[in-house]
Amino acid sequence: MIGVLYSLQSNVFSSVLSLKPGKKFTFWLKTAVFAGLLIYIGYVLQQQPFDWTLVREQITAVEHPEQWAAGLFLLTPVNWGFEALKWQILLQRIEKSTYWQAYKGVLAGVALGFALPALLGDTAGRVLSLRTHRAEAVGASLVSGGMQFYVALVFGAVAWAHHITVVPIRNNIAGQWLLVILVALSAGGIVFGLTRQRLVRWLEKRPGLRRFTDYWNVAGLYSDREIAQALGVAALRYVVFSVQFYLVMRLVGIHLSAGLSASSIGLVFLVKTITPAFNLLSDLGVREAASLWVFEPFSQTNDTVSTSVLLTATLTLWVANVLTPVLVGLIWVWKLKLTTE
């Protein structure tokens, strides 16, 4: 099964040379961003080398670490369970699906997203788990991803507003403009939701875009109630993986106030959400670089926040929320069918 994923990844990179110029530019831009993240992580580690002794001492000083670890891993199926519930809600307009069928499709998408660019792999896993209406399901998958993106954007805007109040050095012109942009995008999401049906009808009339109508027409089928339900589930999932982040912080002995923890976690997830995953190990590297930058101001006044401990925390979270579901999702990858009924 692992071989299948590596084969898929190899095929993706081997096809780069055959891409059109525009697609090649996008690919190399993503690669440059990923390289920049690695360079930043390397720079921080050069300034403060990884210290296993410090990590071990800090973890051993934690009272009842097994409770924090148990909470972290027990919430993993809840995390993806909310994603499956959101997917089931959005599927009802396309193909009736049970919760378990939706859950299997989500896990298959997680597994394929490990080897392929996340959006492509996630969508492929979900769509191939269905027997019919796959073109419409692509649109539903995009709506699902868009909702989770929007939730992270809104919470991220609130997190950044709090962050710049407690970190004065970042409350500059750039920081204030970033807040304005985040608030404007959040408001734009509301406008889009209210006008989505008219927008879909307008797109249908564009001659060059008609071939894609099966993908986005589904966005106009949902009622306001269904949109609200799916957004509510997306928000609940966001809360769950935020709690997981907090649990892993406590597991490695990081102690910050509730406000600082919440805003810092919100910023890390905002960066992770807006940065595309394009490497073999999904979003590995994005969360780490974001965490090092977000928590850096607190490391100077709080000795529980160090580079070594932060990297340990984010890698542990990656194992719980990505690697573990991937290993389970491999079971369902084998059962995917390329043909429809």
Protein backbone atom coordinates (compact mmCIF):
# COMPACT_ATOMS: atom_id res chain seq x y z
CA MET A 1 0.00 0.00 0.00
CA ILE A 2 2.83 2.37 0.79
CA GLY A 3 4.23 1.50 -2.64
CA VAL A 4 1.02 2.69 -4.27
CA LEU A 5 1.37 6.11 -2.64
CA TYR A 6 5.01 6.47 -3.63
CA SER A 7 4.12 5.43 -7.18
CA LEU A 8 1.40 8.10 -7.31
CA GLN A 9 3.81 10.71 -5.99
CA SER A 10 6.43 9.69 -8.56
CA ASN A 11 3.90 9.98 -11.37
CA VAL A 12 2.95 13.49 -10.23
CA PHE A 13 6.52 14.74 -10.35
CA SER A 14 7.36 12.90 -13.57
CA SER A 15 4.48 14.68 -15.28
CA VAL A 16 5.77 18.15 -14.43
CA LEU A 17 7.78 18.36 -17.64
CA SER A 18 4.63 17.87 -19.70
CA LEU A 19 2.70 20.64 -17.96
CA LYS A 20 1.68 23.81 -19.75
CA PRO A 21 3.72 26.95 -18.93
CA GLY A 22 1.07 28.32 -16.55
CA LYS A 23 0.86 25.06 -14.63
CA LYS A 24 4.64 24.75 -14.54
CA PHE A 25 4.83 28.22 -12.99
CA THR A 26 2.31 27.23 -10.31
CA PHE A 27 4.19 24.03 -9.55
CA TRP A 28 7.56 25.73 -9.21
CA LEU A 29 6.02 28.55 -7.18
CA LYS A 30 4.67 26.02 -4.69
CA THR A 31 8.03 24.28 -4.65
CA ALA A 32 9.76 27.58 -3.94
CA VAL A 33 7.37 28.28 -1.05
CA PHE A 34 8.07 24.84 0.41
CA ALA A 35 11.82 25.38 0.04
CA GLY A 36 11.45 28.72 1.78
CA LEU A 37 9.69 27.04 4.70
CA LEU A 38 12.49 24.51 5.03
CA ILE A 39 15.11 27.26 4.87
CA TYR A 40 13.31 29.18 7.62
CA ILE A 41 13.10 26.09 9.83
CA GLY A 42 16.80 25.42 9.19
CA TYR A 43 17.69 29.02 10.05
CA VAL A 44 15.81 28.84 13.35
CA LEU A 45 17.45 25.52 14.21
CA GLN A 46 20.84 27.03 13.45
CA GLN A 47 20.12 29.85 15.89
CA GLN A 48 18.84 27.41 18.51
CA PRO A 49 19.91 23.79 17.80
CA PHE A 50 17.49 20.99 18.58
CA ASP A 51 18.00 19.86 22.17
CA TRP A 52 16.70 16.37 22.92
CA THR A 53 17.75 16.70 26.56
CA LEU A 54 15.60 19.80 27.02
CA VAL A 55 12.63 18.11 25.37
CA ARG A 56 13.00 15.01 27.54
CA GLU A 57 13.35 17.04 30.73
CA GLN A 58 10.32 19.18 29.93
CA ILE A 59 8.12 16.20 29.06
CA THR A 60 9.15 14.23 32.16
CA ALA A 61 8.23 17.24 34.29
CA VAL A 62 4.64 17.12 33.00
CA GLU A 63 2.13 15.66 35.42
CA HIS A 64 0.15 12.73 33.96
CA PRO A 65 1.41 13.09 30.36
CA GLU A 66 -0.52 9.95 29.43
CA GLN A 67 -3.79 11.83 29.97
CA TRP A 68 -2.82 14.60 27.53
CA ALA A 69 -1.63 12.00 24.99
CA ALA A 70 -4.81 9.94 25.35
CA GLY A 71 -6.96 13.02 24.82
CA LEU A 72 -4.96 13.97 21.73
CA PHE A 73 -5.32 10.60 20.00
CA LEU A 74 -8.90 9.95 21.14
CA LEU A 75 -9.96 13.19 19.46
CA THR A 76 -8.44 12.16 16.11
CA PRO A 77 -11.46 10.06 15.02
CA VAL A 78 -13.72 12.84 16.33
CA ASN A 79 -11.81 15.37 14.21
CA TRP A 80 -12.22 13.38 11.02
CA GLY A 81 -15.68 12.30 12.12
CA PHE A 82 -16.86 15.90 11.91
CA GLU A 83 -15.25 16.15 8.47
CA ALA A 84 -17.17 13.02 7.44
CA LEU A 85 -20.42 14.50 8.78
CA LYS A 86 -19.84 17.68 6.77
CA TRP A 87 -19.14 15.59 3.69
CA GLN A 88 -22.32 13.54 4.24
CA ILE A 89 -24.42 16.70 4.54
CA LEU A 90 -23.04 18.05 1.26
CA LEU A 91 -23.41 14.69 -0.51
CA GLN A 92 -27.15 14.43 0.09
CA ARG A 93 -27.87 16.71 -2.89
CA ILE A 94 -25.83 14.40 -5.13
CA GLU A 95 -25.99 10.84 -3.87
CA LYS A 96 -27.53 9.48 -0.70
CA SER A 97 -24.75 8.27 1.54
CA THR A 98 -24.52 6.79 5.00
CA TYR A 99 -22.26 8.35 7.59
CA TRP A 100 -19.91 5.36 7.44
CA GLN A 101 -19.63 5.60 3.64
CA ALA A 102 -18.81 9.29 3.97
CA TYR A 103 -16.22 8.50 6.65
CA LYS A 104 -14.51 5.93 4.39
CA GLY A 105 -14.40 8.42 1.53
CA VAL A 106 -12.84 11.06 3.77
CA LEU A 107 -10.16 8.63 5.02
CA ALA A 108 -9.40 7.54 1.46
CA GLY A 109 -8.97 11.22 0.56
CA VAL A 110 -6.62 11.76 3.49
CA ALA A 111 -4.50 8.81 2.36
CA LEU A 112 -4.31 9.98 -1.26
CA GLY A 113 -3.62 13.53 -0.08
CA PHE A 114 -0.50 12.15 1.59
CA ALA A 115 0.99 11.27 -1.79
CA LEU A 116 -0.63 13.84 -4.08
CA PRO A 117 -1.15 17.58 -3.70
CA ALA A 118 -3.65 17.75 -0.83
CA LEU A 119 -6.64 19.18 -2.71
CA LEU A 120 -6.18 16.77 -5.62
CA GLY A 121 -5.66 13.72 -3.42
CA ASP A 122 -8.47 14.57 -1.01
CA THR A 123 -10.95 15.17 -3.84
CA ALA A 124 -9.88 12.02 -5.70
CA GLY A 125 -10.33 9.84 -2.64
CA ARG A 126 -13.80 11.17 -1.94
CA VAL A 127 -15.00 11.12 -5.54
CA LEU A 128 -13.66 7.64 -6.35
CA SER A 129 -15.41 6.26 -3.28
CA LEU A 130 -18.72 7.06 -5.00
CA ARG A 131 -20.29 4.95 -7.73
CA THR A 132 -22.22 7.69 -9.56
CA HIS A 133 -22.41 11.50 -10.01
CA ARG A 134 -18.66 11.93 -9.68
CA ALA A 135 -18.49 15.22 -11.57
CA GLU A 136 -20.98 16.78 -9.17
CA ALA A 137 -19.09 15.25 -6.24
CA VAL A 138 -15.98 17.18 -7.31
CA GLY A 139 -17.98 20.36 -6.81
CA ALA A 140 -19.23 19.16 -3.42
CA SER A 141 -15.66 18.41 -2.37
CA LEU A 142 -14.60 21.91 -3.35
CA VAL A 143 -17.50 23.36 -1.36
CA SER A 144 -16.47 21.26 1.65
CA GLY A 145 -12.87 22.42 1.43
CA GLY A 146 -13.98 26.00 0.90
CA MET A 147 -16.07 25.90 4.06
CA GLN A 148 -13.18 24.65 6.18
CA PHE A 149 -10.97 27.31 4.61
CA TYR A 150 -13.53 30.01 5.44
CA VAL A 151 -13.85 28.88 9.06
CA ALA A 152 -10.06 28.96 9.46
CA LEU A 153 -10.03 32.41 7.85
CA VAL A 154 -12.63 33.86 10.23
CA PHE A 155 -11.04 32.36 13.34
CA GLY A 156 -7.64 33.40 12.01
CA ALA A 157 -8.78 37.01 11.64
CA VAL A 158 -9.88 37.05 15.28
CA ALA A 159 -6.62 35.37 16.29
CA TRP A 160 -4.51 37.95 14.43
CA ALA A 161 -6.49 40.83 15.98
CA HIS A 162 -5.64 39.47 19.43
CA HIS A 163 -2.07 38.61 18.49
CA ILE A 164 -1.10 42.13 17.46
CA THR A 165 -2.47 43.49 20.72
CA VAL A 166 -0.20 41.26 22.80
CA VAL A 167 2.82 41.41 20.47
CA PRO A 168 3.37 45.15 19.86
CA ILE A 169 6.29 44.58 17.48
CA ARG A 170 3.85 43.05 14.99
CA ASN A 171 1.26 45.79 15.43
CA ASN A 172 2.70 47.82 12.57
CA ILE A 173 1.37 49.04 9.22
CA ALA A 174 1.79 45.61 7.62
CA GLY A 175 0.09 43.91 10.54
CA GLN A 176 -2.83 46.31 10.48
CA TRP A 177 -3.26 45.94 6.73
CA LEU A 178 -3.23 42.18 7.13
CA LEU A 179 -6.04 42.47 9.65
CA VAL A 180 -8.03 44.63 7.23
CA ILE A 181 -7.54 42.06 4.46
CA LEU A 182 -8.58 39.16 6.71
CA VAL A 183 -11.71 41.00 7.86
CA ALA A 184 -12.56 41.96 4.27
CA LEU A 185 -12.17 38.36 3.10
CA SER A 186 -14.33 37.16 5.98
CA ALA A 187 -17.03 39.64 5.01
CA GLY A 188 -16.61 38.65 1.36
CA GLY A 189 -17.40 35.07 2.30
CA ILE A 190 -20.78 36.17 3.65
CA VAL A 191 -21.52 38.08 0.46
CA PHE A 192 -20.52 35.07 -1.64
CA GLY A 193 -22.78 32.79 0.39
CA LEU A 194 -25.76 35.09 -0.08
CA THR A 195 -25.21 35.52 -3.83
CA ARG A 196 -23.90 32.05 -4.71
CA GLN A 197 -26.95 31.00 -6.73
CA ARG A 198 -26.90 34.13 -8.89
CA LEU A 199 -23.15 33.70 -9.35
CA VAL A 200 -23.63 30.11 -10.53
CA ARG A 201 -26.27 31.19 -13.04
CA TRP A 202 -23.94 33.93 -14.31
CA LEU A 203 -21.10 31.43 -14.76
CA GLU A 204 -23.39 29.10 -16.72
CA LYS A 205 -23.81 31.81 -19.35
CA ARG A 206 -20.08 32.19 -19.99
CA PRO A 207 -19.29 30.14 -23.14
CA GLY A 208 -15.72 29.30 -22.16
CA LEU A 209 -16.74 28.04 -18.73
CA ARG A 210 -19.74 25.85 -19.56
CA ARG A 211 -17.69 22.65 -19.55
CA PHE A 212 -17.09 23.16 -15.82
CA THR A 213 -20.74 23.69 -14.90
CA ASP A 214 -21.14 20.17 -13.50
CA TYR A 215 -18.48 21.03 -10.93
CA TRP A 216 -19.85 24.28 -9.58
CA ASN A 217 -23.59 23.92 -10.21
CA VAL A 218 -23.82 21.93 -7.02
CA ALA A 219 -22.89 25.05 -5.03
CA GLY A 220 -26.22 26.57 -6.06
CA LEU A 221 -28.26 23.54 -5.05
CA TYR A 222 -27.75 23.81 -1.31
CA SER A 223 -30.31 25.58 0.82
CA ASP A 224 -29.29 28.18 3.37
CA ARG A 225 -30.06 25.64 6.09
CA GLU A 226 -27.72 23.05 4.57
CA ILE A 227 -24.97 25.63 4.22
CA ALA A 228 -25.45 26.67 7.84
CA GLN A 229 -25.38 23.05 9.01
CA ALA A 230 -22.18 22.27 7.10
CA LEU A 231 -20.52 25.49 8.29
CA GLY A 232 -21.50 24.65 11.86
CA VAL A 233 -19.89 21.22 11.56
CA ALA A 234 -16.79 22.82 10.03
CA ALA A 235 -16.58 25.15 13.03
CA LEU A 236 -16.93 22.21 15.43
CA ARG A 237 -14.13 20.41 13.64
CA TYR A 238 -11.97 23.52 13.91
CA VAL A 239 -12.60 23.60 17.67
CA VAL A 240 -11.66 19.93 17.96
CA PHE A 241 -8.30 20.20 16.25
CA SER A 242 -7.60 23.42 18.15
CA VAL A 243 -8.17 21.49 21.37
CA GLN A 244 -5.82 18.81 20.03
CA PHE A 245 -3.14 21.44 19.49
CA TYR A 246 -3.63 22.67 23.06
CA LEU A 247 -3.41 19.10 24.38
CA VAL A 248 -0.13 18.48 22.57
CA MET A 249 1.22 21.75 23.97
CA ARG A 250 0.42 20.55 27.46
CA LEU A 251 1.87 17.13 26.65
CA VAL A 252 5.28 18.65 25.93
CA GLY A 253 5.06 21.09 28.84
CA ILE A 254 4.25 24.37 27.07
CA HIS A 255 2.35 26.68 29.43
CA LEU A 256 0.64 29.77 28.02
CA SER A 257 -2.52 31.57 29.04
CA ALA A 258 -5.78 30.50 27.41
CA GLY A 259 -5.95 33.67 25.30
CA LEU A 260 -2.39 33.40 24.02
CA SER A 261 -2.82 29.69 23.31
CA ALA A 262 -6.08 30.20 21.40
CA SER A 263 -4.82 33.09 19.25
CA SER A 264 -1.49 31.38 18.54
CA ILE A 265 -3.19 28.13 17.53
CA GLY A 266 -5.60 30.09 15.33
CA LEU A 267 -2.72 31.77 13.52
CA VAL A 268 -0.85 28.51 12.98
CA PHE A 269 -3.94 26.92 11.44
CA LEU A 270 -4.57 30.01 9.32
CA VAL A 271 -1.08 29.77 7.82
CA LYS A 272 -1.47 26.02 7.34
CA THR A 273 -4.81 26.51 5.61
CA ILE A 274 -3.74 29.21 3.16
CA THR A 275 -0.44 27.50 2.33
CA PRO A 276 -1.05 24.68 -0.16
CA ALA A 277 0.21 21.23 0.73
CA PHE A 278 2.36 20.01 -2.13
CA ASN A 279 4.97 17.66 -0.70
CA LEU A 280 5.10 13.93 -0.07
CA LEU A 281 4.33 14.29 3.62
CA SER A 282 1.22 16.44 3.22
CA ASP A 283 1.45 19.67 5.25
CA LEU A 284 4.57 18.63 7.15
CA GLY A 285 6.82 21.67 7.36
CA VAL A 286 4.07 24.27 7.02
CA ARG A 287 2.76 23.89 10.57
CA GLU A 288 6.29 23.71 11.95
CA ALA A 289 7.46 26.92 10.28
CA ALA A 290 4.25 28.72 11.23
CA SER A 291 4.55 27.62 14.85
CA LEU A 292 8.15 28.77 15.11
CA TRP A 293 7.20 32.22 13.82
CA VAL A 294 3.96 32.61 15.79
CA PHE A 295 5.38 31.48 19.14
CA GLU A 296 8.77 33.19 18.74
CA PRO A 297 7.86 36.34 20.75
CA PHE A 298 6.77 34.21 23.72
CA SER A 299 9.96 32.14 23.78
CA GLN A 300 11.84 35.17 25.08
CA THR A 301 9.67 35.47 28.19
CA ASN A 302 8.52 31.87 28.70
CA ASP A 303 11.16 29.18 29.11
CA THR A 304 8.66 26.39 28.31
CA VAL A 305 8.45 27.66 24.71
CA SER A 306 11.57 26.66 22.82
CA THR A 307 12.34 25.62 19.25
CA SER A 308 12.99 22.02 20.21
CA VAL A 309 9.79 21.68 22.21
CA LEU A 310 7.67 23.42 19.55
CA LEU A 311 8.93 21.12 16.81
CA THR A 312 8.26 18.11 19.01
CA ALA A 313 4.71 19.34 19.62
CA THR A 314 3.90 19.97 15.94
CA LEU A 315 5.40 16.67 14.80
CA THR A 316 3.38 14.84 17.43
CA LEU A 317 0.24 16.60 16.22
CA TRP A 318 1.10 15.60 12.64
CA VAL A 319 1.42 11.96 13.68
CA ALA A 320 -1.95 12.06 15.44
CA ASN A 321 -3.97 14.02 12.87
CA VAL A 322 -2.34 13.06 9.57
CA LEU A 323 -0.15 9.97 9.70
CA THR A 324 -2.53 7.86 11.80
CA PRO A 325 -5.61 8.58 9.59
CA VAL A 326 -3.45 7.97 6.50
CA LEU A 327 -2.51 4.50 7.69
CA VAL A 328 -6.18 3.71 8.33
CA GLY A 329 -7.25 5.30 5.05
CA LEU A 330 -4.91 3.05 3.06
CA ILE A 331 -7.43 0.26 3.65
CA TRP A 332 -10.07 2.15 1.69
CA VAL A 333 -7.69 3.26 -1.06
CA TRP A 334 -7.45 -0.36 -2.18
CA LYS A 335 -11.23 -0.52 -2.52
CA LEU A 336 -11.61 2.53 -4.73
CA LYS A 337 -12.98 1.91 -8.20
CA LEU A 338 -11.90 4.00 -11.17
CA THR A 339 -15.04 3.31 -13.18
CA THR A 340 -18.58 4.44 -12.44
CA GLU A 341 -21.71 2.38 -12.53
